[in-house]
Every structure is written in C-alpha cells, then in structure tokens.
N, C-alpha and C. Protein backbone atom coordinates (compact mmCIF):
# COMPACT_ATOMS: atom_id res chain seq x y z
N UNK A 1 -16.63 16.16 -4.22
CA UNK A 1 -15.51 15.89 -5.51
C UNK A 1 -16.41 14.42 -5.32
N UNK A 2 -16.89 13.62 -4.23
CA UNK A 2 -17.61 12.06 -4.34
C UNK A 2 -19.13 12.51 -5.87
N UNK A 3 -19.74 13.14 -4.98
CA UNK A 3 -20.82 13.32 -5.47
C UNK A 3 -21.51 13.69 -6.93
N UNK A 4 -20.05 15.24 -7.12
CA UNK A 4 -20.33 14.85 -8.43
C UNK A 4 -18.99 14.20 -9.63
N UNK A 5 -18.24 13.29 -8.60
CA UNK A 5 -16.81 12.06 -9.36
C UNK A 5 -16.48 13.32 -10.73
N UNK A 6 -15.51 14.20 -9.89
CA UNK A 6 -15.05 14.93 -10.59
C UNK A 6 -13.27 14.94 -9.20
N UNK A 7 -12.22 14.96 -10.02
CA UNK A 7 -10.61 15.51 -10.07
C UNK A 7 -10.32 16.37 -10.44
N UNK A 8 -10.46 17.94 -9.91
CA UNK A 8 -9.42 18.70 -10.86
C UNK A 8 -8.02 18.71 -11.71
N UNK A 9 -8.43 18.82 -13.08
CA UNK A 9 -6.98 18.24 -14.06
C UNK A 9 -5.63 18.93 -12.61
N UNK A 10 -6.12 19.95 -12.43
CA UNK A 10 -4.79 20.40 -11.83
C UNK A 10 -3.87 20.01 -10.43
N UNK A 11 -4.63 19.47 -9.90
CA UNK A 11 -4.54 18.71 -8.60
C UNK A 11 -3.28 17.51 -9.20
N UNK A 12 -3.88 16.93 -10.48
CA UNK A 12 -2.94 15.90 -10.24
C UNK A 12 -1.43 16.06 -10.85
N UNK A 13 -0.91 17.71 -10.69
CA UNK A 13 0.50 18.52 -11.70
C UNK A 13 0.71 18.05 -10.38
N UNK A 14 2.06 18.31 -10.54
CA UNK A 14 3.29 18.81 -9.73
C UNK A 14 4.88 19.14 -10.50
N UNK A 15 5.65 19.66 -9.41
CA UNK A 15 6.69 19.80 -9.81
C UNK A 15 8.14 19.18 -8.24
N UNK A 16 8.99 18.14 -9.40
CA UNK A 16 9.78 18.25 -8.20
C UNK A 16 11.17 18.92 -8.23
N UNK A 17 11.73 19.02 -7.12
CA UNK A 17 12.67 20.26 -6.85
C UNK A 17 13.85 19.12 -7.05
N UNK A 18 15.37 19.08 -7.28
CA UNK A 18 16.24 18.39 -6.76
C UNK A 18 17.13 19.15 -5.63
N UNK A 19 17.20 18.63 -4.27
CA UNK A 19 18.06 19.83 -3.52
C UNK A 19 19.87 19.08 -3.02
N UNK A 20 20.42 18.97 -3.07
CA UNK A 20 20.99 18.55 -2.40
C UNK A 20 21.60 18.10 -0.93
N UNK A 21 21.86 16.86 -0.68
CA UNK A 21 21.71 16.34 0.41
C UNK A 21 22.57 17.06 1.35
N UNK A 22 22.89 17.94 2.40
CA UNK A 22 23.63 18.37 3.79
C UNK A 22 25.01 17.81 3.93
N UNK A 23 26.49 18.21 3.58
CA UNK A 23 27.48 16.84 4.19
C UNK A 23 27.81 15.95 3.75
N UNK A 24 26.99 16.13 1.75
CA UNK A 24 27.49 14.35 1.60
C UNK A 24 29.19 14.91 0.18
N UNK A 25 29.87 13.66 0.94
CA UNK A 25 31.49 14.77 0.23
C UNK A 25 31.66 14.77 -1.51
N UNK A 26 30.69 13.90 -2.23
CA UNK A 26 30.69 14.02 -3.95
C UNK A 26 29.29 14.20 -4.58
N UNK A 27 28.84 15.18 -4.46
CA UNK A 27 28.11 15.51 -5.27
C UNK A 27 27.75 15.16 -6.80
N UNK A 28 28.60 14.45 -7.72
CA UNK A 28 28.47 13.64 -8.12
C UNK A 28 27.77 12.15 -8.57
N UNK A 29 27.47 12.11 -7.25
CA UNK A 29 26.81 11.08 -6.62
C UNK A 29 25.20 10.72 -6.95
N UNK A 30 24.16 10.20 -7.51
CA UNK A 30 23.07 10.61 -7.43
C UNK A 30 22.37 10.32 -6.02
N UNK A 31 23.48 9.84 -4.96
CA UNK A 31 22.03 9.24 -3.93
C UNK A 31 22.59 10.76 -3.07
N UNK A 32 23.53 11.76 -3.62
CA UNK A 32 24.09 13.10 -2.62
C UNK A 32 22.27 13.81 -2.83
N UNK A 33 22.02 13.84 -3.68
CA UNK A 33 20.08 14.81 -4.06
C UNK A 33 19.35 14.28 -3.61
N UNK A 34 18.44 14.47 -2.90
CA UNK A 34 16.60 14.48 -2.62
C UNK A 34 15.85 15.54 -3.47
N UNK A 35 15.00 14.59 -3.93
CA UNK A 35 13.80 14.96 -4.83
C UNK A 35 12.63 15.28 -4.11
N UNK A 36 12.15 16.31 -3.97
CA UNK A 36 11.27 17.03 -3.33
C UNK A 36 9.72 17.45 -4.06
N UNK A 37 8.62 16.71 -3.63
CA UNK A 37 7.89 16.75 -4.26
C UNK A 37 6.91 17.70 -3.90
N UNK A 38 6.41 18.98 -4.97
CA UNK A 38 5.55 19.54 -4.93
C UNK A 38 3.87 19.52 -5.43
N UNK A 39 2.94 19.64 -4.39
CA UNK A 39 1.63 19.42 -5.12
C UNK A 39 0.73 20.04 -4.88
N UNK A 40 -0.21 20.57 -4.81
CA UNK A 40 -1.39 21.39 -4.98
C UNK A 40 -2.05 20.82 -3.66
N UNK A 41 -1.95 21.66 -2.75
CA UNK A 41 -2.30 21.51 -0.80
C UNK A 41 -3.58 20.57 -0.97
N UNK A 42 -4.50 21.65 -1.61
CA UNK A 42 -6.50 20.80 -1.38
C UNK A 42 -5.94 19.49 -1.78
N UNK A 43 -4.98 18.86 -2.65
CA UNK A 43 -5.61 17.37 -3.41
C UNK A 43 -4.88 17.02 -2.13
N UNK A 44 -3.92 17.24 -1.60
CA UNK A 44 -2.83 16.23 -0.79
C UNK A 44 -3.83 16.13 0.58
N UNK A 45 -4.32 17.14 0.93
CA UNK A 45 -5.65 16.96 1.99
C UNK A 45 -6.79 16.01 1.80
N UNK A 46 -7.39 15.95 0.59
CA UNK A 46 -8.34 15.45 0.09
C UNK A 46 -7.77 13.87 0.15
N UNK A 47 -6.48 13.89 -0.81
CA UNK A 47 -5.57 11.98 -0.73
C UNK A 47 -5.54 11.68 0.65
N UNK A 48 -5.10 12.68 1.55
CA UNK A 48 -4.98 11.78 2.81
C UNK A 48 -6.73 11.31 3.18
N UNK A 49 -7.63 12.12 3.47
CA UNK A 49 -8.23 12.06 4.55
C UNK A 49 -8.94 10.47 3.18
N UNK A 50 -8.85 10.43 2.58
CA UNK A 50 -9.30 9.57 1.26
C UNK A 50 -8.66 7.84 1.59
N UNK A 51 -7.63 7.97 1.98
CA UNK A 51 -6.64 6.86 2.19
C UNK A 51 -6.82 6.71 3.52
N UNK A 52 -7.32 7.62 5.10
CA UNK A 52 -7.71 7.00 5.74
C UNK A 52 -9.13 6.92 6.18
N UNK A 53 -9.96 6.63 5.32
CA UNK A 53 -10.91 6.22 5.03
C UNK A 53 -10.75 4.92 4.65
N UNK A 54 -9.83 4.37 3.60
CA UNK A 54 -9.86 3.38 2.86
C UNK A 54 -9.08 2.29 3.91
N UNK A 55 -7.84 2.84 4.41
CA UNK A 55 -7.64 2.07 4.79
C UNK A 55 -8.47 1.05 6.70
N UNK A 56 -9.61 2.32 6.88
CA UNK A 56 -9.96 1.43 8.00
C UNK A 56 -10.49 1.24 7.67
N UNK A 57 -11.74 1.13 6.37
CA UNK A 57 -12.50 0.37 5.90
C UNK A 57 -12.03 -1.23 5.68
N UNK A 58 -10.55 -0.72 4.83
CA UNK A 58 -9.63 -3.16 4.99
C UNK A 58 -9.15 -2.97 6.65
N UNK A 59 -9.82 -2.25 7.21
CA UNK A 59 -9.11 -2.76 8.10
C UNK A 59 -9.70 -3.57 9.23
N UNK A 60 -11.38 -2.94 9.26
CA UNK A 60 -12.91 -3.29 9.77
C UNK A 60 -12.96 -4.78 8.64
N UNK A 61 -12.56 -4.91 6.79
CA UNK A 61 -12.63 -5.99 6.91
C UNK A 61 -12.37 -7.19 6.77
N UNK A 62 -11.00 -6.40 7.07
CA UNK A 62 -10.15 -7.63 8.04
C UNK A 62 -9.47 -8.50 6.22
N UNK A 63 -8.81 -7.04 5.93
CA UNK A 63 -8.25 -7.37 4.07
C UNK A 63 -6.93 -7.32 4.68
N UNK A 64 -6.54 -6.89 5.76
CA UNK A 64 -4.57 -6.07 5.28
C UNK A 64 -4.38 -6.85 6.71
N UNK A 65 -3.17 -7.82 5.89
CA UNK A 65 -2.76 -8.87 6.59
C UNK A 65 -2.26 -8.27 8.12
N UNK A 66 -1.90 -8.74 8.96
CA UNK A 66 -1.99 -8.45 10.32
C UNK A 66 -0.13 -7.76 10.45
N UNK A 67 -0.03 -8.54 9.62
CA UNK A 67 1.84 -8.29 9.37
C UNK A 67 2.35 -7.58 8.56
N UNK A 68 1.24 -6.56 7.95
CA UNK A 68 1.74 -5.55 6.40
C UNK A 68 1.82 -4.08 7.72
N UNK A 69 2.78 -3.42 8.03
CA UNK A 69 2.83 -2.16 8.86
C UNK A 69 3.13 -1.11 8.07
N UNK A 70 3.09 -1.10 7.24
CA UNK A 70 3.02 0.02 5.98
C UNK A 70 2.15 0.99 6.11
N UNK A 71 2.13 2.17 6.38
CA UNK A 71 0.46 3.30 5.54
C UNK A 71 -0.79 2.80 6.65
N UNK A 72 -0.49 2.16 7.97
CA UNK A 72 -1.43 1.74 9.05
C UNK A 72 -0.68 2.83 10.06
N UNK A 73 -2.33 3.21 10.72
CA UNK A 73 -1.79 3.84 12.17
C UNK A 73 -1.42 2.85 13.10
N UNK A 74 -0.62 3.66 14.08
CA UNK A 74 0.49 2.69 15.10
C UNK A 74 1.06 1.37 14.47
N UNK A 75 1.35 1.96 12.90
CA UNK A 75 2.73 0.10 12.80
C UNK A 75 3.66 1.44 11.89
N UNK A 76 4.71 1.79 13.00
CA UNK A 76 5.60 2.47 11.91
C UNK A 76 6.74 1.82 11.44
N UNK A 77 7.83 2.37 11.53
CA UNK A 77 8.99 1.61 10.67
C UNK A 77 9.44 0.98 12.62
N UNK A 78 9.45 2.12 13.52
CA UNK A 78 9.38 1.24 14.40
C UNK A 78 9.43 -0.26 14.64
N UNK A 79 8.35 -0.28 14.22
CA UNK A 79 7.45 -1.19 14.81
C UNK A 79 8.10 -2.67 14.16
N UNK A 80 8.35 -1.88 12.40
CA UNK A 80 9.16 -3.37 11.32
C UNK A 80 9.92 -3.51 12.07
N UNK A 81 10.82 -2.73 12.78
CA UNK A 81 12.42 -3.15 12.85
C UNK A 81 12.04 -3.84 14.01
N UNK A 82 11.24 -3.50 15.33
CA UNK A 82 11.37 -4.56 16.06
C UNK A 82 10.19 -5.80 15.85
N UNK A 83 9.88 -6.63 15.24
CA UNK A 83 9.17 -6.82 14.56
C UNK A 83 10.02 -7.74 13.83
N UNK A 84 10.66 -7.89 13.17
CA UNK A 84 11.97 -8.63 12.68
C UNK A 84 13.09 -9.15 13.27
N UNK A 85 13.44 -8.45 14.44
CA UNK A 85 14.09 -8.88 15.46
C UNK A 85 13.66 -9.77 16.19
N UNK A 86 12.40 -9.24 16.60
CA UNK A 86 11.72 -10.51 17.34
C UNK A 86 11.87 -12.04 16.93
N UNK A 87 11.68 -11.67 15.57
CA UNK A 87 11.56 -13.24 14.32
C UNK A 87 13.19 -13.54 14.50
N UNK A 88 14.07 -12.84 14.12
CA UNK A 88 15.76 -13.62 14.28
C UNK A 88 15.91 -13.64 15.94
N UNK A 89 15.59 -12.87 16.86
CA UNK A 89 15.76 -13.79 17.73
C UNK A 89 15.41 -15.16 18.61
N UNK A 90 14.12 -15.13 17.89
CA UNK A 90 13.23 -16.28 18.18
C UNK A 90 13.67 -17.07 17.22
N UNK A 91 14.14 -17.60 15.76
CA UNK A 91 14.89 -18.21 16.02
C UNK A 91 16.17 -18.94 16.21
N UNK A 92 17.29 -17.64 16.16
CA UNK A 92 18.62 -17.69 17.04
C UNK A 92 18.01 -18.93 18.52
N UNK A 93 17.19 -18.52 19.08
CA UNK A 93 16.77 -18.97 20.50
C UNK A 93 16.81 -20.90 19.76
N UNK A 94 16.01 -21.14 18.81
CA UNK A 94 15.72 -22.35 18.64
C UNK A 94 16.82 -23.19 18.41
N UNK A 95 18.60 -22.52 18.11
CA UNK A 95 19.18 -22.96 17.52
C UNK A 95 19.65 -22.83 15.75
N UNK A 96 18.40 -21.86 15.07
CA UNK A 96 18.67 -21.91 13.60
C UNK A 96 20.02 -20.95 13.61
N UNK A 97 20.23 -21.28 12.19
CA UNK A 97 20.58 -19.90 11.39
C UNK A 97 19.42 -18.62 10.30
N UNK A 98 19.72 -17.39 10.59
CA UNK A 98 18.94 -16.82 10.23
C UNK A 98 19.69 -15.70 9.33
N UNK A 99 19.02 -16.19 8.10
CA UNK A 99 19.45 -14.77 6.63
C UNK A 99 18.16 -14.00 6.23
N UNK A 100 18.97 -12.64 5.85
CA UNK A 100 18.10 -11.89 5.55
C UNK A 100 17.78 -11.79 4.05
N UNK A 101 17.32 -11.48 3.65
CA UNK A 101 17.20 -10.91 1.73
C UNK A 101 16.21 -9.52 1.93
N UNK A 102 16.79 -8.11 1.93
CA UNK A 102 16.46 -6.95 1.85
C UNK A 102 15.81 -6.72 0.19
N UNK A 103 14.81 -5.94 -0.27
CA UNK A 103 14.63 -6.42 -1.64
C UNK A 103 13.78 -4.96 -1.94
N UNK A 104 14.69 -4.55 -2.54
CA UNK A 104 13.89 -2.81 -2.81
C UNK A 104 12.34 -3.35 -4.11
N UNK A 105 11.12 -3.29 -3.19
CA UNK A 105 10.32 -3.75 -3.85
C UNK A 105 9.26 -2.94 -4.65
N UNK A 106 9.81 -1.88 -4.30
CA UNK A 106 8.80 -0.58 -4.88
C UNK A 106 9.70 -0.22 -6.08
N UNK A 107 11.01 0.17 -5.90
CA UNK A 107 11.74 -0.28 -7.21
C UNK A 107 11.31 -1.14 -7.83
N UNK A 108 11.53 -2.26 -7.67
CA UNK A 108 11.63 -3.38 -9.34
C UNK A 108 9.85 -3.31 -9.45
N UNK A 109 9.23 -2.83 -8.95
CA UNK A 109 7.68 -2.64 -9.53
C UNK A 109 6.86 -0.93 -8.89
N UNK A 110 7.69 -0.21 -9.95
CA UNK A 110 7.19 1.20 -9.79
C UNK A 110 5.48 1.25 -10.07
N UNK A 111 5.01 0.42 -10.61
CA UNK A 111 3.53 1.29 -11.23
C UNK A 111 2.77 -0.02 -10.85
N UNK A 112 1.38 0.37 -11.25
CA UNK A 112 0.33 -0.32 -10.45
C UNK A 112 -0.47 -0.64 -11.83
N UNK A 113 -1.09 -1.84 -11.68
CA UNK A 113 -2.43 -1.57 -12.97
C UNK A 113 -3.38 -1.05 -12.49
N UNK A 114 -3.78 0.12 -12.54
CA UNK A 114 -4.90 0.73 -11.99
C UNK A 114 -6.42 0.49 -11.94
N UNK A 115 -6.60 -0.60 -13.66
CA UNK A 115 -7.56 -1.58 -13.59
C UNK A 115 -7.89 -2.45 -12.60
N UNK A 116 -6.70 -3.13 -12.41
CA UNK A 116 -6.77 -4.45 -11.21
C UNK A 116 -6.63 -3.98 -9.73
N UNK A 117 -5.99 -3.02 -10.13
CA UNK A 117 -6.19 -2.17 -8.89
C UNK A 117 -8.10 -1.84 -8.14
N UNK A 118 -8.39 -1.26 -9.11
CA UNK A 118 -9.86 -0.72 -8.97
C UNK A 118 -10.64 -1.88 -8.64
N UNK A 119 -10.47 -2.73 -9.52
CA UNK A 119 -11.50 -4.27 -9.26
C UNK A 119 -11.47 -4.67 -7.93
N UNK A 120 -9.71 -4.70 -7.49
CA UNK A 120 -9.38 -5.57 -6.16
C UNK A 120 -10.58 -4.67 -5.08
N UNK A 121 -9.94 -2.92 -5.05
CA UNK A 121 -10.90 -2.64 -4.22
C UNK A 121 -12.20 -2.24 -4.56
N UNK A 122 -13.14 -3.13 -5.35
CA UNK A 122 -14.15 -2.84 -5.31
C UNK A 122 -15.49 -4.06 -4.65
N UNK A 123 -13.96 -5.82 -5.23
CA UNK A 123 -14.23 -6.58 -4.34
C UNK A 123 -14.42 -7.12 -3.13
N UNK A 124 -13.13 -6.14 -2.24
CA UNK A 124 -12.55 -5.85 -1.00
C UNK A 124 -14.25 -4.79 -0.14
N UNK A 125 -14.98 -4.56 -1.23
CA UNK A 125 -15.83 -3.97 -0.40
C UNK A 125 -15.55 -2.68 -0.25
N UNK A 126 -14.82 -1.72 -1.43
CA UNK A 126 -14.35 -0.37 -1.07
C UNK A 126 -15.82 0.73 -1.13
N UNK A 127 -16.46 1.20 -1.33
CA UNK A 127 -17.33 2.34 -1.63
C UNK A 127 -16.94 2.98 -3.11
N UNK A 128 -18.33 2.92 -3.64
CA UNK A 128 -18.37 2.11 -5.37
C UNK A 128 -17.78 4.00 -5.35
N UNK A 129 -17.79 5.28 -4.90
CA UNK A 129 -18.47 6.47 -4.66
C UNK A 129 -16.67 6.66 -4.67
N UNK A 130 -15.86 5.60 -3.61
CA UNK A 130 -14.14 6.10 -4.22
C UNK A 130 -13.99 4.99 -4.79
N UNK A 131 -14.06 3.99 -5.71
CA UNK A 131 -13.49 3.83 -6.03
C UNK A 131 -13.60 4.17 -7.69
N UNK A 132 -15.00 4.78 -7.95
CA UNK A 132 -14.76 6.34 -8.87
C UNK A 132 -13.87 7.33 -9.19
N UNK A 133 -13.80 7.76 -7.69
CA UNK A 133 -12.69 9.44 -7.51
C UNK A 133 -10.89 8.79 -7.92
N UNK A 134 -11.41 7.75 -7.26
CA UNK A 134 -10.08 6.78 -7.14
C UNK A 134 -9.15 7.02 -8.77
N UNK A 135 -10.43 6.14 -9.56
CA UNK A 135 -10.48 5.83 -11.10
C UNK A 135 -9.78 7.40 -11.97
N UNK A 136 -11.02 8.65 -11.16
CA UNK A 136 -10.40 9.87 -12.05
C UNK A 136 -9.63 10.28 -11.53
N UNK A 137 -8.97 10.18 -10.09
CA UNK A 137 -7.96 10.93 -9.80
C UNK A 137 -6.13 10.13 -10.55
N UNK A 138 -6.76 8.68 -10.94
CA UNK A 138 -5.10 8.38 -11.76
C UNK A 138 -5.61 8.10 -12.93
N UNK A 139 -6.40 8.74 -12.83
CA UNK A 139 -6.23 9.20 -14.79
C UNK A 139 -5.41 9.42 -16.07
N UNK A 140 -4.90 8.78 -16.83
CA UNK A 140 -3.68 9.57 -17.55
C UNK A 140 -2.13 9.19 -16.69
N UNK A 141 -2.20 8.06 -15.71
CA UNK A 141 -1.29 7.62 -15.55
C UNK A 141 -0.75 6.39 -15.70
C-alpha cells in the first residue's frame, strides 16, 4: 500500500445501518437509535495498524500532550474520569469552588482541513509514506 501509494477506492465505501437501542420508551426520539457503520475489513485492519504506528511516532516525538487521553494505549475513559475527579478534589481541598463546562467538541467541529492535517503530520516528523497514504485514504472527503 505504501510502496505503490494506493488506497483502493472501494475501501472508502461504507454503509450505515440505524438500529433501535433496546428498552427505549419512545422511538420517535433521535437518541433512541444507534448508527452502525459497516466497512471493508481489510481497510479497518490497515487503518488500525497505521493509527497504532502514528500514535507510537507521536509518543516518541513527544508531540502528544500528557493530558490527551483519547486514542492512546493505556489511556482510556476511566483514566479521563479519574483525572477529572483528581483535579476537582484537589481544588476542593484548597477551598475553591469548581465549575465544569462539558462540550461536544466533535459535534462542534465535525470536519478536518485535510491539507492542514497532512502539513502538520509532516512537520511533526510522520513518515512521508504514511502522509502520502493518508492523503490517498482521505481523498474525496
């Protein structure tokens, strides 16, 4: 894939099924449904491998902030909650009042500037082969 600089176009095809969440009282509400995305298994496998490699490169280069918990090995949702609770309790012990604003950032910023992403990847030292592959993978989005 990297040597030939290809990404099969049919790998980009997905189908989304919308299934009812069990036990919901009102199926007229949008939140009572769960979208399930189906895609090519080879694409998912290769994407997972590249994601792992890019994450390792980012960890080695020190470009991922220590408080960034998503998508990193050994940093899961439980870790994020424990980190948040620690921060709150530390402030309470100091006698401070704590407020929390929770935002749906993914919903607010649903897209990425692909050219900027690729530029930033190159500037951070991500291999050229991977950035070119990523460009092929994201073409047409």
